[in-house]
Amino acid sequence: MTRPALRTALAATAAALALLVTGCASGGAAPAASGSDAPAVSDAGYVTPGKLTIATGETAYEPYVIDDDPASGKGFEAAVAYAVAAELGFDKADVVWVRTSFESAIAPGPKNFDFNIQQYTITDDRKQAVDFSSPYYEASQAVVALKGSKADGVTDIAGLKPLLLGAMTGSTSATTLEKAIAPTTAPRLYASNEDARAALEAGQIDAMVLDTPTAYVAANFYIENSLVVGQLPAAGVPDQWGLLLAKDSPLTTEVTAAVDTLRENGTLEKLQSEWLGVFTDGIPQLQ
């Protein structure tokens, strides 16, 4: 299916889920503060006084950002970013978006953003170079394969072990592959998910591991003739995503407090259901 078709599907899904949440909820989450009701914003610690500078990927992918346009507020991470901004006291017009690669943002050194949101897993190793907020999402990992391949029809971990598998190097997907599957054939690790996808499409690997929402979108909209084989157990590797900040940022405490508030008042759960629910439901668990 083409990207325009994907946009149509995502928009329809989001609208339907929004109606479902509105119709079924016994009480809505408290709205995030904005405008005159927002807390006063201090200029201390911000890249640009009076503005909130948020970074995301050089290409931001669905369902986290729709149409590679984070300023629209559409997509799970774009929506989370604006909800955090509101909690910090910023109007939407005062949010500035910048782009970074995944690796450059997580490297030590000064940052050109106040926080970065692009599916960063919180790890102790990364905390040596950057700060994280508390988690805004915890993802599972899943296996994607081409239909008719060796992985098609596999129903358990044992069936994956002898296969040639791939993932992005340094990612939770790669770690989960190693620990949850423990393949008997050394996996192939790639610089990006795009490289792993190209290897899968070229028949160079039997299957690849991605976080589950991305796996669903990849199998249904990006990788022709593919399927999601199933979800993997965490295997002691929780994939909790946090907002990334510069090391020892003066904003880390208040950004974390904003995320905690959104979790406690139900906003994160609502946004997860709205943007990600359809991408995780119904995918079998591999044991």
Protein backbone atom coordinates (compact mmCIF):
# COMPACT_ATOMS: atom_id res chain seq x y z
CA MET A 1 0.00 0.00 0.00
CA THR A 2 1.31 3.49 -0.83
CA ARG A 3 2.11 6.20 1.73
CA PRO A 4 -1.09 8.18 0.80
CA ALA A 5 -3.08 5.04 1.56
CA LEU A 6 -1.24 4.71 4.84
CA ARG A 7 -2.10 8.28 5.76
CA THR A 8 -5.76 7.60 4.99
CA ALA A 9 -5.74 4.42 7.08
CA LEU A 10 -4.04 6.11 10.01
CA ALA A 11 -6.40 9.08 9.91
CA ALA A 12 -9.47 6.86 9.82
CA THR A 13 -8.11 4.69 12.61
CA ALA A 14 -7.29 7.68 14.78
CA ALA A 15 -10.76 9.15 14.25
CA ALA A 16 -12.49 5.88 15.05
CA LEU A 17 -10.41 5.30 18.17
CA ALA A 18 -11.00 8.88 19.31
CA LEU A 19 -14.77 8.33 19.01
CA LEU A 20 -14.46 5.03 20.85
CA VAL A 21 -12.51 6.60 23.71
CA THR A 22 -15.01 9.46 23.93
CA GLY A 23 -18.01 7.16 23.84
CA CYS A 24 -16.77 4.52 26.28
CA ALA A 25 -14.76 6.43 28.86
CA SER A 26 -16.45 7.04 32.19
CA GLY A 27 -14.51 10.26 32.59
CA GLY A 28 -11.94 12.06 30.44
CA ALA A 29 -8.41 12.81 31.53
CA ALA A 30 -7.84 16.28 32.84
CA PRO A 31 -6.87 18.56 29.92
CA ALA A 32 -3.31 19.78 29.81
CA ALA A 33 -2.83 23.36 30.85
CA SER A 34 -2.38 25.94 28.09
CA GLY A 35 -2.69 29.62 27.46
CA SER A 36 -3.55 31.73 30.50
CA ASP A 37 -4.13 28.62 32.63
CA ALA A 38 -0.61 27.30 32.02
CA PRO A 39 2.13 27.62 34.61
CA ALA A 40 4.54 30.49 34.10
CA VAL A 41 7.48 29.55 31.89
CA SER A 42 10.97 30.30 33.14
CA ASP A 43 13.63 31.03 30.52
CA ALA A 44 16.28 29.21 32.55
CA GLY A 45 17.78 26.26 30.72
CA TYR A 46 15.91 26.60 27.41
CA VAL A 47 17.78 26.76 24.11
CA THR A 48 15.74 29.80 23.09
CA PRO A 49 14.08 31.93 25.79
CA GLY A 50 10.31 31.81 25.50
CA LYS A 51 10.38 28.84 23.12
CA LEU A 52 10.40 25.06 23.59
CA THR A 53 12.76 23.44 21.10
CA ILE A 54 11.90 19.79 20.44
CA ALA A 55 13.90 17.46 18.21
CA THR A 56 12.84 14.37 16.33
CA GLY A 57 14.38 12.19 13.62
CA GLU A 58 15.72 13.52 10.34
CA THR A 59 12.89 11.45 8.95
CA ALA A 60 10.09 10.89 11.48
CA TYR A 61 8.06 7.79 10.77
CA GLU A 62 4.43 6.81 11.22
CA PRO A 63 2.70 6.03 13.54
CA TYR A 64 4.90 8.26 15.70
CA VAL A 65 4.73 11.29 13.39
CA ILE A 66 2.24 11.45 10.52
CA ASP A 67 3.49 12.67 7.12
CA ASP A 68 6.92 13.47 8.65
CA ASP A 69 5.30 16.65 10.03
CA PRO A 70 5.68 16.83 13.83
CA ALA A 71 4.30 20.38 13.94
CA SER A 72 0.89 18.94 13.01
CA GLY A 73 0.69 17.22 16.39
CA LYS A 74 -0.49 14.08 14.61
CA GLY A 75 1.08 10.75 15.53
CA PHE A 76 1.86 9.31 18.94
CA GLU A 77 5.15 11.07 19.63
CA ALA A 78 4.09 14.38 18.07
CA ALA A 79 0.99 14.34 20.30
CA VAL A 80 3.03 13.42 23.38
CA ALA A 81 5.46 16.25 22.65
CA TYR A 82 2.70 18.86 22.53
CA ALA A 83 1.09 17.46 25.68
CA VAL A 84 4.42 17.84 27.49
CA ALA A 85 4.80 21.34 26.06
CA ALA A 86 1.41 22.31 27.45
CA GLU A 87 2.31 20.92 30.88
CA LEU A 88 5.47 23.03 30.79
CA GLY A 89 3.39 26.13 30.01
CA PHE A 90 4.05 26.53 26.29
CA ASP A 91 1.41 27.29 23.68
CA LYS A 92 1.64 25.31 20.44
CA ALA A 93 2.87 28.41 18.61
CA ASP A 94 5.88 28.56 20.95
CA VAL A 95 7.11 25.07 20.06
CA VAL A 96 10.04 24.92 17.61
CA TRP A 97 10.96 21.64 15.90
CA VAL A 98 14.47 20.65 14.82
CA ARG A 99 15.82 17.43 13.27
CA THR A 100 18.66 15.19 14.40
CA SER A 101 19.94 11.76 13.55
CA PHE A 102 19.39 9.08 16.18
CA GLU A 103 23.10 8.65 16.93
CA SER A 104 24.13 12.31 16.95
CA ALA A 105 21.47 13.22 19.49
CA ILE A 106 22.52 10.51 21.90
CA ALA A 107 26.23 11.35 21.70
CA PRO A 108 27.85 13.36 24.52
CA GLY A 109 28.01 17.13 24.14
CA PRO A 110 25.82 20.23 23.86
CA LYS A 111 22.40 19.97 22.23
CA ASN A 112 20.42 22.25 19.94
CA PHE A 113 17.15 21.09 21.53
CA ASP A 114 15.45 21.13 24.92
CA PHE A 115 14.34 17.52 24.53
CA ASN A 116 14.37 14.92 21.76
CA ILE A 117 11.63 12.38 21.07
CA GLN A 118 12.34 9.51 18.66
CA GLN A 119 11.78 6.18 20.43
CA TYR A 120 14.85 6.39 22.68
CA THR A 121 15.07 3.41 25.01
CA ILE A 122 16.26 4.37 28.47
CA THR A 123 19.48 2.48 29.28
CA ASP A 124 22.22 2.86 31.88
CA ASP A 125 24.85 3.11 29.15
CA ARG A 126 23.07 6.00 27.48
CA LYS A 127 22.57 7.76 30.80
CA GLN A 128 26.33 8.25 30.95
CA ALA A 129 26.04 10.70 28.02
CA VAL A 130 22.50 12.12 28.21
CA ASP A 131 19.53 12.54 30.55
CA PHE A 132 16.12 10.92 30.17
CA SER A 133 12.69 11.78 31.46
CA SER A 134 10.60 9.08 33.07
CA PRO A 135 9.09 6.68 30.48
CA TYR A 136 6.24 7.84 28.26
CA TYR A 137 5.81 4.42 26.59
CA GLU A 138 6.94 0.80 26.90
CA ALA A 139 7.11 -1.14 23.65
CA SER A 140 7.26 -4.83 22.88
CA GLN A 141 9.34 -6.22 20.01
CA ALA A 142 8.06 -8.22 17.06
CA VAL A 143 9.37 -10.23 14.11
CA VAL A 144 8.63 -9.25 10.49
CA ALA A 145 9.18 -11.63 7.55
CA LEU A 146 8.22 -12.02 3.92
CA LYS A 147 5.28 -14.27 3.13
CA GLY A 148 6.44 -17.67 1.98
CA SER A 149 9.82 -17.28 3.69
CA LYS A 150 11.32 -19.66 6.27
CA ALA A 151 9.81 -17.52 9.06
CA ASP A 152 6.28 -17.61 7.64
CA GLY A 153 4.28 -20.02 9.78
CA VAL A 154 6.69 -20.02 12.73
CA THR A 155 4.67 -20.07 15.96
CA ASP A 156 7.31 -20.20 18.69
CA ILE A 157 10.81 -19.11 19.65
CA ALA A 158 12.27 -22.52 18.80
CA GLY A 159 11.21 -22.04 15.19
CA LEU A 160 13.14 -18.76 14.98
CA LYS A 161 16.41 -20.03 16.43
CA PRO A 162 17.92 -21.53 13.25
CA LEU A 163 16.92 -18.59 11.03
CA LEU A 164 19.13 -15.73 9.84
CA LEU A 165 17.71 -12.69 11.60
CA GLY A 166 18.45 -8.98 11.41
CA ALA A 167 17.97 -5.78 13.42
CA MET A 168 19.41 -2.29 13.83
CA THR A 169 22.68 -2.33 15.72
CA GLY A 170 22.60 -0.83 19.22
CA SER A 171 18.81 -1.03 19.37
CA THR A 172 16.54 -2.77 21.86
CA SER A 173 15.39 -4.85 18.89
CA ALA A 174 18.92 -6.21 18.51
CA THR A 175 19.26 -6.90 22.24
CA THR A 176 15.87 -8.62 22.39
CA LEU A 177 16.80 -10.70 19.34
CA GLU A 178 19.92 -11.94 21.12
CA LYS A 179 18.33 -12.57 24.52
CA ALA A 180 14.78 -13.65 23.67
CA ILE A 181 15.59 -15.77 20.63
CA ALA A 182 19.28 -16.67 21.16
CA PRO A 183 19.60 -17.71 17.48
CA THR A 184 21.98 -20.48 16.53
CA THR A 185 23.03 -18.49 13.46
CA ALA A 186 24.77 -15.18 14.20
CA PRO A 187 22.32 -12.35 13.40
CA ARG A 188 23.14 -9.54 11.01
CA LEU A 189 23.08 -6.04 12.46
CA TYR A 190 22.58 -2.93 10.35
CA ALA A 191 23.18 0.80 10.73
CA SER A 192 19.46 1.55 10.40
CA ASN A 193 16.07 -0.12 10.18
CA GLU A 194 15.99 0.93 6.53
CA ASP A 195 19.13 -1.10 5.85
CA ALA A 196 17.64 -4.11 7.65
CA ARG A 197 14.46 -3.74 5.64
CA ALA A 198 16.45 -3.66 2.38
CA ALA A 199 18.24 -6.85 3.43
CA LEU A 200 14.92 -8.53 4.18
CA GLU A 201 13.44 -7.51 0.83
CA ALA A 202 16.57 -8.74 -0.95
CA GLY A 203 16.33 -12.13 0.75
CA GLN A 204 19.60 -11.63 2.63
CA ILE A 205 17.92 -12.36 5.99
CA ASP A 206 14.92 -14.49 6.87
CA ALA A 207 13.27 -11.98 9.23
CA MET A 208 13.92 -8.75 11.12
CA VAL A 209 13.04 -7.48 14.59
CA LEU A 210 11.32 -4.11 15.18
CA ASP A 211 9.26 -2.56 17.96
CA THR A 212 5.71 -3.84 17.56
CA PRO A 213 3.94 -0.68 16.31
CA THR A 214 6.67 -0.14 13.71
CA ALA A 215 6.52 -3.83 12.76
CA TYR A 216 2.77 -3.57 12.12
CA VAL A 217 3.13 -0.48 9.94
CA ALA A 218 6.10 -1.97 8.07
CA ALA A 219 4.29 -5.22 7.31
CA ASN A 220 1.01 -3.60 6.33
CA PHE A 221 2.17 -0.51 4.45
CA TYR A 222 5.89 -0.46 3.64
CA ILE A 223 7.25 -3.95 2.98
CA GLU A 224 5.36 -5.68 0.20
CA ASN A 225 4.22 -9.28 0.68
CA SER A 226 5.23 -9.33 4.37
CA LEU A 227 3.67 -10.22 7.70
CA VAL A 228 4.22 -9.87 11.45
CA VAL A 229 5.23 -13.33 12.68
CA GLY A 230 4.57 -12.46 16.33
CA GLN A 231 5.67 -10.54 19.41
CA LEU A 232 8.73 -11.52 21.42
CA PRO A 233 8.93 -11.82 25.20
CA ALA A 234 10.79 -8.97 26.91
CA ALA A 235 13.53 -11.39 28.07
CA GLY A 236 14.63 -8.96 30.76
CA VAL A 237 15.04 -6.10 28.28
CA PRO A 238 12.28 -3.57 28.99
CA ASP A 239 11.91 -1.15 26.09
CA GLN A 240 10.89 1.97 27.99
CA TRP A 241 11.10 5.16 25.95
CA GLY A 242 12.04 8.49 27.51
CA LEU A 243 12.45 12.06 26.32
CA LEU A 244 16.16 12.66 25.78
CA LEU A 245 17.85 15.76 27.21
CA ALA A 246 21.43 17.00 27.46
CA LYS A 247 23.43 15.48 30.31
CA ASP A 248 22.63 17.28 33.59
CA SER A 249 20.07 19.50 31.86
CA PRO A 250 18.34 21.93 34.25
CA LEU A 251 15.10 20.92 32.51
CA THR A 252 15.24 17.19 33.29
CA THR A 253 13.32 17.43 36.56
CA GLU A 254 10.46 19.53 35.21
CA VAL A 255 10.21 17.56 31.96
CA THR A 256 10.01 14.35 34.00
CA ALA A 257 7.34 15.93 36.20
CA ALA A 258 5.34 16.81 33.07
CA VAL A 259 5.56 13.22 31.79
CA ASP A 260 4.57 11.88 35.22
CA THR A 261 1.51 14.14 35.27
CA LEU A 262 0.45 12.97 31.81
CA ARG A 263 0.79 9.37 32.94
CA GLU A 264 -1.15 9.91 36.16
CA ASN A 265 -4.02 11.84 34.59
CA GLY A 266 -4.50 9.26 31.83
CA THR A 267 -3.30 11.37 28.91
CA LEU A 268 -0.49 9.01 27.88
CA GLU A 269 -2.81 6.02 27.94
CA LYS A 270 -5.35 7.91 25.85
CA LEU A 271 -2.75 8.93 23.27
CA GLN A 272 -1.38 5.38 23.16
CA SER A 273 -4.85 4.01 22.50
CA GLU A 274 -5.55 6.67 19.88
CA TRP A 275 -2.37 6.29 17.86
CA LEU A 276 -0.87 2.88 18.67
CA GLY A 277 -3.67 0.58 19.82
CA VAL A 278 -4.52 -0.75 16.38
CA PHE A 279 -0.85 -1.54 15.74
CA THR A 280 -0.41 -3.92 18.67
CA ASP A 281 -3.76 -5.65 19.17
CA GLY A 282 -4.17 -9.15 17.78
CA ILE A 283 -0.48 -9.88 17.12
CA PRO A 284 0.33 -13.35 18.57
CA GLN A 285 2.86 -13.83 21.37
CA LEU A 286 5.76 -16.12 20.57
CA GLN A 287 6.74 -18.41 23.46
